[in-house]
Amino acid sequence: MSDVKVILTDEVRGLGNRGEVVSVAAGYARNFLLPKELAYLATPGNVKRLEQEKKRYDVSQAKEKDQAATVAKAFEGLSVTVRKKAGDHDAIYGSVTASELAAALAVKGITVDRRRIDLEEPIKRLGTHTVHVRLHREVIAALKVEVVAA
């Protein structure tokens, strides 16, 4: 088993952020990271290319972070209501999904990718819940979700 050094082209959970040089198993690089273009081999030429791209990337990341902070301000005091069928003891049938929350936010005029909504555990009860939305790697907003009986 030999490890291979790769440069990440995007954030990979549990591995690292964009632009980092990491050492991974050869099979993981060959079968997953390289075909999905999440990384490229860390050759001397690619390392130079990384340094040039890093400057442009830092500027774009600063812009994205500012935009995410603006959107996070919109989340302050924002509450989303989701209607679900409920049974005994305020238990709902099924659970509230990230897709439903993204749709409820879209109705309010805020577009968020469902994959950015972190449901630490499924919402299976009526009431008020707090859900975290990762708008940027460094910007996380709290969303108040009110689940009511339909």
C-alpha atoms as a PDB file:
ATOM      1  CA  MET A   1       0.000   0.000   0.000  1.00  0.00           C
ATOM      2  CA  SER A   2       1.549   3.217  -1.098  1.00  0.00           C
ATOM      3  CA  ASP A   3       0.322   6.703  -0.488  1.00  0.00           C
ATOM      4  CA  VAL A   4       0.081   9.363  -3.176  1.00  0.00           C
ATOM      5  CA  LYS A   5       0.328  13.110  -2.682  1.00  0.00           C
ATOM      6  CA  VAL A   6      -2.512  15.036  -4.321  1.00  0.00           C
ATOM      7  CA  ILE A   7      -3.639  18.653  -4.431  1.00  0.00           C
ATOM      8  CA  LEU A   8      -7.331  19.114  -3.621  1.00  0.00           C
ATOM      9  CA  THR A   9      -9.364  21.165  -6.107  1.00  0.00           C
ATOM     10  CA  ASP A  10     -12.388  21.378  -3.825  1.00  0.00           C
ATOM     11  CA  GLU A  11     -13.302  20.900  -0.181  1.00  0.00           C
ATOM     12  CA  VAL A  12     -13.495  17.181   0.656  1.00  0.00           C
ATOM     13  CA  ARG A  13     -15.093  16.409   4.018  1.00  0.00           C
ATOM     14  CA  GLY A  14     -12.764  14.556   6.323  1.00  0.00           C
ATOM     15  CA  LEU A  15      -9.760  15.147   4.063  1.00  0.00           C
ATOM     16  CA  GLY A  16      -9.086  18.862   3.612  1.00  0.00           C
ATOM     17  CA  ASN A  17      -9.863  22.124   1.876  1.00  0.00           C
ATOM     18  CA  ARG A  18      -9.179  23.387  -1.615  1.00  0.00           C
ATOM     19  CA  GLY A  19      -5.508  23.914  -2.388  1.00  0.00           C
ATOM     20  CA  GLU A  20      -4.149  21.643   0.334  1.00  0.00           C
ATOM     21  CA  VAL A  21      -1.574  18.982  -0.485  1.00  0.00           C
ATOM     22  CA  VAL A  22      -2.611  15.751   1.222  1.00  0.00           C
ATOM     23  CA  SER A  23      -1.382  12.190   1.217  1.00  0.00           C
ATOM     24  CA  VAL A  24      -4.029   9.565   0.380  1.00  0.00           C
ATOM     25  CA  ALA A  25      -4.118   5.903  -0.563  1.00  0.00           C
ATOM     26  CA  ALA A  26      -3.318   5.284  -4.219  1.00  0.00           C
ATOM     27  CA  GLY A  27      -6.646   3.538  -4.847  1.00  0.00           C
ATOM     28  CA  TYR A  28      -8.657   6.380  -3.271  1.00  0.00           C
ATOM     29  CA  ALA A  29      -6.879   8.879  -5.508  1.00  0.00           C
ATOM     30  CA  ARG A  30      -7.126   6.738  -8.661  1.00  0.00           C
ATOM     31  CA  ASN A  31     -10.735   5.574  -8.210  1.00  0.00           C
ATOM     32  CA  PHE A  32     -12.440   8.535  -6.534  1.00  0.00           C
ATOM     33  CA  LEU A  33     -10.549  11.836  -6.305  1.00  0.00           C
ATOM     34  CA  LEU A  34      -8.998  11.977  -9.779  1.00  0.00           C
ATOM     35  CA  PRO A  35     -12.034  10.803 -11.848  1.00  0.00           C
ATOM     36  CA  LYS A  36     -14.344  13.255 -10.031  1.00  0.00           C
ATOM     37  CA  GLU A  37     -11.742  16.026 -10.491  1.00  0.00           C
ATOM     38  CA  LEU A  38     -11.626  16.661  -6.753  1.00  0.00           C
ATOM     39  CA  ALA A  39      -7.814  16.503  -6.861  1.00  0.00           C
ATOM     40  CA  TYR A  40      -4.803  16.252  -9.144  1.00  0.00           C
ATOM     41  CA  LEU A  41      -1.386  14.737  -8.593  1.00  0.00           C
ATOM     42  CA  ALA A  42       1.127  16.879  -6.692  1.00  0.00           C
ATOM     43  CA  THR A  43       3.841  17.096  -9.373  1.00  0.00           C
ATOM     44  CA  PRO A  44       6.309  20.031  -9.363  1.00  0.00           C
ATOM     45  CA  GLY A  45       4.444  21.641 -12.306  1.00  0.00           C
ATOM     46  CA  ASN A  46       1.069  21.293 -10.570  1.00  0.00           C
ATOM     47  CA  VAL A  47       2.486  22.758  -7.347  1.00  0.00           C
ATOM     48  CA  LYS A  48       3.563  25.888  -9.298  1.00  0.00           C
ATOM     49  CA  ARG A  49       0.114  26.041 -10.899  1.00  0.00           C
ATOM     50  CA  LEU A  50      -1.421  25.792  -7.421  1.00  0.00           C
ATOM     51  CA  GLU A  51       0.548  28.808  -6.197  1.00  0.00           C
ATOM     52  CA  GLN A  52      -0.730  30.918  -9.114  1.00  0.00           C
ATOM     53  CA  GLU A  53      -4.319  29.763  -8.680  1.00  0.00           C
ATOM     54  CA  LYS A  54      -4.191  30.313  -4.916  1.00  0.00           C
ATOM     55  CA  LYS A  55      -3.896  34.087  -5.333  1.00  0.00           C
ATOM     56  CA  ARG A  56      -7.005  34.231  -7.546  1.00  0.00           C
ATOM     57  CA  TYR A  57      -8.822  31.785  -5.288  1.00  0.00           C
ATOM     58  CA  ASP A  58      -8.134  33.847  -2.144  1.00  0.00           C
ATOM     59  CA  VAL A  59      -9.711  36.916  -3.760  1.00  0.00           C
ATOM     60  CA  SER A  60     -12.795  34.963  -4.863  1.00  0.00           C
ATOM     61  CA  GLN A  61     -13.106  33.330  -1.419  1.00  0.00           C
ATOM     62  CA  ALA A  62     -13.078  36.743   0.258  1.00  0.00           C
ATOM     63  CA  LYS A  63     -15.950  37.823  -2.021  1.00  0.00           C
ATOM     64  CA  GLU A  64     -17.891  34.608  -1.322  1.00  0.00           C
ATOM     65  CA  LYS A  65     -17.395  35.026   2.415  1.00  0.00           C
ATOM     66  CA  ASP A  66     -18.721  38.600   2.258  1.00  0.00           C
ATOM     67  CA  GLN A  67     -21.761  37.438   0.279  1.00  0.00           C
ATOM     68  CA  ALA A  68     -22.342  34.588   2.741  1.00  0.00           C
ATOM     69  CA  ALA A  69     -22.141  37.036   5.655  1.00  0.00           C
ATOM     70  CA  THR A  70     -24.779  39.199   3.951  1.00  0.00           C
ATOM     71  CA  VAL A  71     -27.067  36.174   3.511  1.00  0.00           C
ATOM     72  CA  ALA A  72     -26.396  35.158   7.146  1.00  0.00           C
ATOM     73  CA  LYS A  73     -27.720  38.545   8.257  1.00  0.00           C
ATOM     74  CA  ALA A  74     -30.954  37.731   6.400  1.00  0.00           C
ATOM     75  CA  PHE A  75     -31.256  34.596   8.556  1.00  0.00           C
ATOM     76  CA  GLU A  76     -31.300  36.618  11.792  1.00  0.00           C
ATOM     77  CA  GLY A  77     -34.797  36.438  13.203  1.00  0.00           C
ATOM     78  CA  LEU A  78     -35.977  34.363  10.219  1.00  0.00           C
ATOM     79  CA  SER A  79     -38.376  31.542  10.951  1.00  0.00           C
ATOM     80  CA  VAL A  80     -39.587  28.884   8.523  1.00  0.00           C
ATOM     81  CA  THR A  81     -42.837  26.958   9.029  1.00  0.00           C
ATOM     82  CA  VAL A  82     -43.190  23.381   7.790  1.00  0.00           C
ATOM     83  CA  ARG A  83     -46.537  21.555   7.886  1.00  0.00           C
ATOM     84  CA  LYS A  84     -46.496  17.799   8.523  1.00  0.00           C
ATOM     85  CA  LYS A  85     -49.082  15.195   9.455  1.00  0.00           C
ATOM     86  CA  ALA A  86     -48.719  14.341  13.117  1.00  0.00           C
ATOM     87  CA  GLY A  87     -49.770  11.451  15.297  1.00  0.00           C
ATOM     88  CA  ASP A  88     -49.928  10.983  19.042  1.00  0.00           C
ATOM     89  CA  HIS A  89     -47.544  12.819  21.375  1.00  0.00           C
ATOM     90  CA  ASP A  90     -46.547  15.403  18.721  1.00  0.00           C
ATOM     91  CA  ALA A  91     -44.675  12.799  16.648  1.00  0.00           C
ATOM     92  CA  ILE A  92     -44.797  13.499  12.924  1.00  0.00           C
ATOM     93  CA  TYR A  93     -45.044  10.885  10.195  1.00  0.00           C
ATOM     94  CA  GLY A  94     -41.639  10.679   8.544  1.00  0.00           C
ATOM     95  CA  SER A  95     -39.274  13.562   9.193  1.00  0.00           C
ATOM     96  CA  VAL A  96     -38.509  17.050   7.964  1.00  0.00           C
ATOM     97  CA  THR A  97     -35.855  16.821   5.232  1.00  0.00           C
ATOM     98  CA  ALA A  98     -33.226  19.280   4.068  1.00  0.00           C
ATOM     99  CA  SER A  99     -35.043  19.494   0.710  1.00  0.00           C
ATOM    100  CA  GLU A 100     -38.242  20.628   2.431  1.00  0.00           C
ATOM    101  CA  LEU A 101     -36.320  23.277   4.352  1.00  0.00           C
ATOM    102  CA  ALA A 102     -34.617  24.494   1.155  1.00  0.00           C
ATOM    103  CA  ALA A 103     -38.046  24.756  -0.516  1.00  0.00           C
ATOM    104  CA  ALA A 104     -39.450  26.668   2.463  1.00  0.00           C
ATOM    105  CA  LEU A 105     -36.509  29.082   2.277  1.00  0.00           C
ATOM    106  CA  ALA A 106     -37.049  29.531  -1.463  1.00  0.00           C
ATOM    107  CA  VAL A 107     -40.619  30.639  -0.743  1.00  0.00           C
ATOM    108  CA  LYS A 108     -39.124  33.332   1.518  1.00  0.00           C
ATOM    109  CA  GLY A 109     -36.808  34.417  -1.318  1.00  0.00           C
ATOM    110  CA  ILE A 110     -33.580  32.823  -0.052  1.00  0.00           C
ATOM    111  CA  THR A 111     -31.977  30.215  -2.301  1.00  0.00           C
ATOM    112  CA  VAL A 112     -29.879  27.660  -0.422  1.00  0.00           C
ATOM    113  CA  ASP A 113     -28.621  24.320  -1.702  1.00  0.00           C
ATOM    114  CA  ARG A 114     -30.136  21.489   0.362  1.00  0.00           C
ATOM    115  CA  ARG A 115     -26.674  19.987   0.905  1.00  0.00           C
ATOM    116  CA  ARG A 116     -25.672  23.090   2.866  1.00  0.00           C
ATOM    117  CA  ILE A 117     -28.427  22.490   5.440  1.00  0.00           C
ATOM    118  CA  ASP A 118     -26.991  20.479   8.347  1.00  0.00           C
ATOM    119  CA  LEU A 119     -29.598  18.334  10.054  1.00  0.00           C
ATOM    120  CA  GLU A 120     -27.631  16.915  12.975  1.00  0.00           C
ATOM    121  CA  GLU A 121     -30.523  14.558  13.670  1.00  0.00           C
ATOM    122  CA  PRO A 122     -33.843  14.118  11.858  1.00  0.00           C
ATOM    123  CA  ILE A 123     -36.668  16.423  12.951  1.00  0.00           C
ATOM    124  CA  LYS A 124     -39.445  14.035  13.994  1.00  0.00           C
ATOM    125  CA  ARG A 125     -41.501  16.129  16.428  1.00  0.00           C
ATOM    126  CA  LEU A 126     -43.769  19.145  16.265  1.00  0.00           C
ATOM    127  CA  GLY A 127     -42.396  22.352  17.738  1.00  0.00           C
ATOM    128  CA  THR A 128     -39.516  24.754  17.249  1.00  0.00           C
ATOM    129  CA  HIS A 129     -36.108  23.472  16.169  1.00  0.00           C
ATOM    130  CA  THR A 130     -32.820  25.162  15.288  1.00  0.00           C
ATOM    131  CA  VAL A 131     -31.018  24.049  12.134  1.00  0.00           C
ATOM    132  CA  HIS A 132     -27.562  25.182  10.989  1.00  0.00           C
ATOM    133  CA  VAL A 133     -26.948  26.272   7.404  1.00  0.00           C
ATOM    134  CA  ARG A 134     -23.363  26.266   6.094  1.00  0.00           C
ATOM    135  CA  LEU A 135     -23.312  29.273   3.779  1.00  0.00           C
ATOM    136  CA  HIS A 136     -19.517  29.273   3.561  1.00  0.00           C
ATOM    137  CA  ARG A 137     -16.729  27.294   5.172  1.00  0.00           C
ATOM    138  CA  GLU A 138     -16.420  30.027   7.825  1.00  0.00           C
ATOM    139  CA  VAL A 139     -20.020  31.324   7.875  1.00  0.00           C
ATOM    140  CA  ILE A 140     -22.737  29.236   9.532  1.00  0.00           C
ATOM    141  CA  ALA A 141     -26.216  30.647  10.056  1.00  0.00           C
ATOM    142  CA  ALA A 142     -28.868  29.402  12.477  1.00  0.00           C
ATOM    143  CA  LEU A 143     -32.368  28.895  11.101  1.00  0.00           C
ATOM    144  CA  LYS A 144     -35.435  28.580  13.306  1.00  0.00           C
ATOM    145  CA  VAL A 145     -37.797  25.884  12.020  1.00  0.00           C
ATOM    146  CA  GLU A 146     -41.377  25.685  13.286  1.00  0.00           C
ATOM    147  CA  VAL A 147     -42.996  22.300  12.610  1.00  0.00           C
ATOM    148  CA  VAL A 148     -46.790  22.431  12.849  1.00  0.00           C
ATOM    149  CA  ALA A 149     -49.513  19.848  12.317  1.00  0.00           C
ATOM    150  CA  ALA A 150     -51.131  19.849   8.895  1.00  0.00           C
END
